[in-house]
Protein backbone atom coordinates (compact mmCIF):
# COMPACT_ATOMS: atom_id res chain seq x y z
CA UNK A 1 -323.24 -26.68 -59.44
CA UNK A 2 -324.72 -30.05 -59.93
CA UNK A 3 -322.75 -33.30 -59.60
CA UNK A 4 -323.49 -36.33 -61.52
CA UNK A 5 -324.71 -39.27 -59.68
CA UNK A 6 -321.97 -41.98 -59.51
CA UNK A 7 -323.14 -45.67 -60.74
CA UNK A 8 -320.92 -48.11 -58.89
CA UNK A 9 -321.84 -51.03 -61.08
CA UNK A 10 -320.88 -48.89 -64.11
CA UNK A 11 -317.69 -47.78 -62.44
CA UNK A 12 -316.84 -51.46 -61.73
CA UNK A 13 -317.53 -52.47 -65.13
CA UNK A 14 -315.43 -49.67 -66.78
CA UNK A 15 -312.47 -50.47 -64.39
CA UNK A 16 -312.95 -54.24 -65.08
CA UNK A 17 -312.86 -53.96 -68.80
CA UNK A 18 -309.40 -52.39 -69.28
CA UNK A 19 -307.83 -55.37 -67.03
CA UNK A 20 -309.65 -57.79 -68.98
CA UNK A 21 -308.53 -56.36 -72.46
CA UNK A 22 -305.01 -56.17 -71.05
CA UNK A 23 -304.98 -59.78 -70.07
CA UNK A 24 -306.16 -60.66 -73.55
CA UNK A 25 -303.62 -58.46 -75.15
CA UNK A 26 -300.91 -60.06 -73.00
CA UNK A 27 -302.10 -63.64 -73.73
CA UNK A 28 -302.10 -62.77 -77.44
CA UNK A 29 -298.43 -61.32 -77.19
CA UNK A 30 -297.11 -64.19 -74.99
CA UNK A 31 -299.21 -67.02 -76.42
CA UNK A 32 -296.09 -68.56 -77.88
CA UNK A 33 -294.38 -68.75 -74.73
CA UNK A 34 -297.45 -70.11 -72.91
CA UNK A 35 -297.69 -72.82 -75.45
CA UNK A 36 -293.92 -73.66 -75.00
CA UNK A 37 -294.30 -73.73 -71.22
CA UNK A 38 -297.32 -76.19 -71.67
CA UNK A 39 -295.34 -78.37 -73.91
CA UNK A 40 -292.39 -78.60 -71.52
CA UNK A 41 -294.82 -79.42 -68.64
CA UNK A 42 -296.27 -82.11 -70.61
CA UNK A 43 -292.85 -83.32 -71.67
CA UNK A 44 -291.63 -83.43 -68.24
CA UNK A 45 -294.48 -85.39 -66.86
CA UNK A 46 -294.33 -87.81 -69.85
CA UNK A 47 -290.60 -88.42 -69.00
CA UNK A 48 -291.32 -89.09 -65.36
CA UNK A 49 -294.21 -91.52 -66.38
CA UNK A 50 -291.82 -93.27 -68.98
CA UNK A 51 -289.04 -93.85 -66.45
CA UNK A 52 -291.36 -95.09 -63.82
CA UNK A 53 -292.95 -97.28 -66.35
CA UNK A 54 -289.62 -98.56 -67.56
CA UNK A 55 -288.47 -99.35 -63.93
CA UNK A 56 -291.48 -101.30 -63.23
CA UNK A 57 -291.19 -103.44 -66.53
CA UNK A 58 -287.64 -104.04 -65.63
CA UNK A 59 -288.56 -105.05 -62.08
CA UNK A 60 -291.16 -107.31 -63.36
CA UNK A 61 -289.04 -108.87 -65.83
CA UNK A 62 -286.12 -109.47 -63.32
CA UNK A 63 -288.49 -111.15 -60.92
CA UNK A 64 -289.73 -113.58 -63.58
CA UNK A 65 -286.45 -114.63 -64.58
CA UNK A 66 -285.45 -115.04 -60.98
CA UNK A 67 -288.27 -117.19 -60.46
CA UNK A 68 -287.35 -119.37 -63.47
CA UNK A 69 -283.81 -119.81 -62.04
CA UNK A 70 -285.37 -120.73 -58.80
CA UNK A 71 -287.50 -123.25 -60.26
CA UNK A 72 -284.35 -124.85 -62.12
CA UNK A 73 -282.64 -124.76 -58.82
CA UNK A 74 -285.42 -126.46 -56.75
CA UNK A 75 -285.65 -129.10 -59.65
CA UNK A 76 -282.10 -130.17 -58.90
CA UNK A 77 -280.76 -128.91 -62.37
CA UNK A 78 -277.75 -126.88 -60.73
CA UNK A 79 -276.16 -126.20 -64.27
CA UNK A 80 -279.31 -124.67 -65.65
CA UNK A 81 -279.89 -122.98 -62.48
CA UNK A 82 -276.47 -121.36 -62.33
CA UNK A 83 -276.89 -120.31 -66.13
CA UNK A 84 -280.30 -118.64 -65.31
CA UNK A 85 -278.98 -116.94 -62.33
CA UNK A 86 -275.92 -115.46 -64.19
CA UNK A 87 -278.40 -114.02 -66.89
CA UNK A 88 -280.39 -112.33 -63.86
CA UNK A 89 -277.18 -110.88 -62.32
CA UNK A 90 -275.84 -109.85 -65.70
CA UNK A 91 -278.94 -107.63 -66.53
CA UNK A 92 -280.32 -106.61 -63.25
CA UNK A 93 -277.26 -106.54 -60.78
CA UNK A 94 -278.52 -103.48 -58.84
CA UNK A 95 -282.13 -104.50 -58.46
CA UNK A 96 -283.48 -106.71 -55.59
CA UNK A 97 -283.96 -109.79 -57.87
CA UNK A 98 -280.42 -109.38 -59.17
CA UNK A 99 -278.92 -109.09 -55.76
CA UNK A 100 -280.74 -112.23 -54.77
CA UNK A 101 -279.67 -114.12 -57.81
CA UNK A 102 -275.95 -113.13 -57.13
CA UNK A 103 -276.17 -114.27 -53.37
CA UNK A 104 -277.81 -117.63 -54.54
CA UNK A 105 -275.16 -118.05 -57.49
CA UNK A 106 -272.28 -117.48 -54.98
CA UNK A 107 -273.98 -119.94 -52.59
CA UNK A 108 -274.07 -122.56 -55.22
CA UNK A 109 -270.31 -122.16 -55.65
CA UNK A 110 -269.79 -122.21 -51.95
CA UNK A 111 -271.65 -125.55 -51.63
CA UNK A 112 -269.40 -127.13 -54.27
CA UNK A 113 -266.07 -125.63 -52.63
CA UNK A 114 -265.57 -123.14 -55.35
CA UNK A 115 -264.44 -120.33 -52.81
CA UNK A 116 -262.45 -118.40 -55.38
CA UNK A 117 -265.24 -118.30 -57.82
CA UNK A 118 -267.64 -117.18 -55.02
CA UNK A 119 -265.33 -114.60 -54.01
CA UNK A 120 -264.73 -113.26 -57.39
CA UNK A 121 -268.65 -112.97 -58.18
CA UNK A 122 -269.13 -111.40 -54.79
CA UNK A 123 -266.47 -108.78 -55.22
CA UNK A 124 -268.04 -107.93 -58.56
CA UNK A 125 -271.49 -107.81 -57.32
CA UNK A 126 -270.31 -105.67 -54.28
CA UNK A 127 -268.87 -103.19 -56.65
CA UNK A 128 -272.33 -102.73 -58.27
CA UNK A 129 -274.29 -102.55 -55.08
CA UNK A 130 -272.02 -100.48 -52.81
CA UNK A 131 -274.91 -99.28 -50.61
CA UNK A 132 -278.65 -99.82 -49.84
CA UNK A 133 -280.57 -102.86 -49.21
CA UNK A 134 -278.72 -106.15 -49.81
CA UNK A 135 -275.27 -104.39 -49.75
CA UNK A 136 -274.65 -105.81 -46.16
CA UNK A 137 -275.60 -109.37 -47.12
CA UNK A 138 -273.25 -109.26 -50.11
CA UNK A 139 -270.11 -108.22 -47.98
CA UNK A 140 -271.23 -110.58 -45.26
CA UNK A 141 -271.38 -113.55 -47.49
CA UNK A 142 -268.00 -112.33 -49.24
CA UNK A 143 -266.64 -112.58 -45.71
CA UNK A 144 -267.94 -116.14 -45.38
CA UNK A 145 -266.39 -117.07 -48.70
CA UNK A 146 -263.07 -115.32 -47.92
CA UNK A 147 -263.01 -117.13 -44.47
CA UNK A 148 -263.63 -120.52 -46.15
CA UNK A 149 -260.65 -119.77 -48.55
CA UNK A 150 -258.39 -119.66 -45.52
CA UNK A 151 -258.04 -116.01 -45.15
CA UNK A 152 -259.50 -114.97 -41.95
CA UNK A 153 -257.91 -111.51 -41.73
CA UNK A 154 -259.26 -110.69 -45.11
CA UNK A 155 -262.70 -112.10 -44.13
CA UNK A 156 -262.75 -109.91 -40.92
CA UNK A 157 -262.15 -106.76 -43.16
CA UNK A 158 -265.35 -107.94 -45.24
CA UNK A 159 -267.29 -108.48 -42.08
CA UNK A 160 -266.64 -105.01 -40.77
CA UNK A 161 -267.63 -103.59 -44.08
CA UNK A 162 -270.80 -105.50 -43.76
CA UNK A 163 -271.35 -104.10 -40.38
CA UNK A 164 -270.84 -100.52 -41.62
CA UNK A 165 -273.64 -101.14 -44.20
CA UNK A 166 -276.14 -102.98 -41.87
CA UNK A 167 -279.53 -101.46 -41.54
CA UNK A 168 -279.74 -101.68 -37.76
CA UNK A 169 -277.69 -102.22 -34.71
CA UNK A 170 -278.67 -106.03 -34.23
CA UNK A 171 -277.43 -106.82 -37.53
CA UNK A 172 -274.30 -104.66 -37.39
CA UNK A 173 -273.31 -106.23 -34.21
CA UNK A 174 -273.73 -109.68 -35.69
CA UNK A 175 -271.32 -108.91 -38.52
CA UNK A 176 -268.66 -107.15 -36.25
CA UNK A 177 -268.84 -110.40 -34.08
CA UNK A 178 -267.70 -112.43 -37.04
CA UNK A 179 -265.26 -109.77 -37.75
CA UNK A 180 -263.76 -110.12 -34.18
CA UNK A 181 -263.58 -113.94 -34.38
CA UNK A 182 -261.73 -113.60 -37.80
CA UNK A 183 -259.12 -111.27 -36.57
CA UNK A 184 -258.46 -113.53 -33.46
CA UNK A 185 -258.23 -116.68 -35.77
CA UNK A 186 -255.75 -114.61 -37.91
CA UNK A 187 -253.61 -113.77 -34.81
CA UNK A 188 -254.67 -110.19 -34.90
CA UNK A 189 -255.54 -110.35 -31.13
CA UNK A 190 -255.62 -106.52 -30.76
CA UNK A 191 -258.22 -105.79 -33.49
CA UNK A 192 -260.21 -108.68 -32.24
CA UNK A 193 -260.20 -107.58 -28.63
CA UNK A 194 -261.16 -103.97 -29.68
CA UNK A 195 -264.15 -105.24 -31.24
CA UNK A 196 -265.07 -107.58 -28.62
CA UNK A 197 -264.83 -104.68 -26.12
CA UNK A 198 -267.32 -102.73 -28.15
CA UNK A 199 -269.56 -105.58 -28.40
CA UNK A 200 -269.48 -106.20 -24.72
CA UNK A 201 -270.64 -102.74 -24.05
CA UNK A 202 -273.45 -102.39 -26.56
CA UNK A 203 -277.02 -103.17 -25.30
CA UNK A 204 -278.71 -104.03 -28.32
CA UNK A 205 -278.21 -107.80 -28.32
CA UNK A 206 -277.47 -109.54 -24.93
CA UNK A 207 -276.40 -112.77 -26.62
CA UNK A 208 -273.74 -111.18 -28.49
CA UNK A 209 -272.62 -108.98 -25.49
CA UNK A 210 -272.39 -112.24 -23.35
CA UNK A 211 -270.39 -113.94 -26.03
CA UNK A 212 -267.99 -110.93 -26.37
CA UNK A 213 -267.42 -111.09 -22.51
CA UNK A 214 -266.63 -114.82 -22.75
CA UNK A 215 -264.12 -114.16 -25.57
CA UNK A 216 -262.53 -111.43 -23.78
CA UNK A 217 -262.12 -113.74 -20.79
CA UNK A 218 -260.53 -116.31 -23.04
CA UNK A 219 -258.14 -113.81 -24.66
CA UNK A 220 -257.16 -112.69 -21.08
CA UNK A 221 -256.34 -116.26 -20.08
CA UNK A 222 -254.44 -116.99 -23.29
CA UNK A 223 -252.24 -113.98 -22.88
CA UNK A 224 -251.30 -114.72 -19.31
CA UNK A 225 -247.68 -115.96 -18.73
């Protein structure tokens, strides 16, 4: 009995043909789903691009408006600068330009002794920028404005919040040092002492540690009978 000689290439071709036909059949059957999937992918990509483009446009616009406000400020036209800064804060409060505008606006009010106005503006800004870059500076300036309003205990609370939002230990210790002084000035010696003890023990800033030890010595002397 004779056996036909098998042809490897023919066998491969015959086995590949059904798979090719199967793929073509599958594509015809599922072409609508493939098209929908492609549309979804393109739509998502366009959406991401649009959001990024919109954010870039807003950042550029905010920077330009802040520059205009700074030019008004540098020219000595405080009323116009204040109006320009308010516009930037109103439209872009959560962006870097809006945060800087808010801080400049509050500083303008502090310079003319409008402490209550500065406090009001900074509280509103801190509500919009509760974390991230700039949040610590907002709380710190709010502490300054509150202290200048004659409320050292409330200022100390704001300084502590600024410390909790600080980007690093040096900045954190700076704000906590101001918080400790605020508590002591308000007669809350226990709270101030606790912060000074922590500051004296830290090793990130020798100057603040030295100051804390001096303050602790002063507090010990003042409490002796």
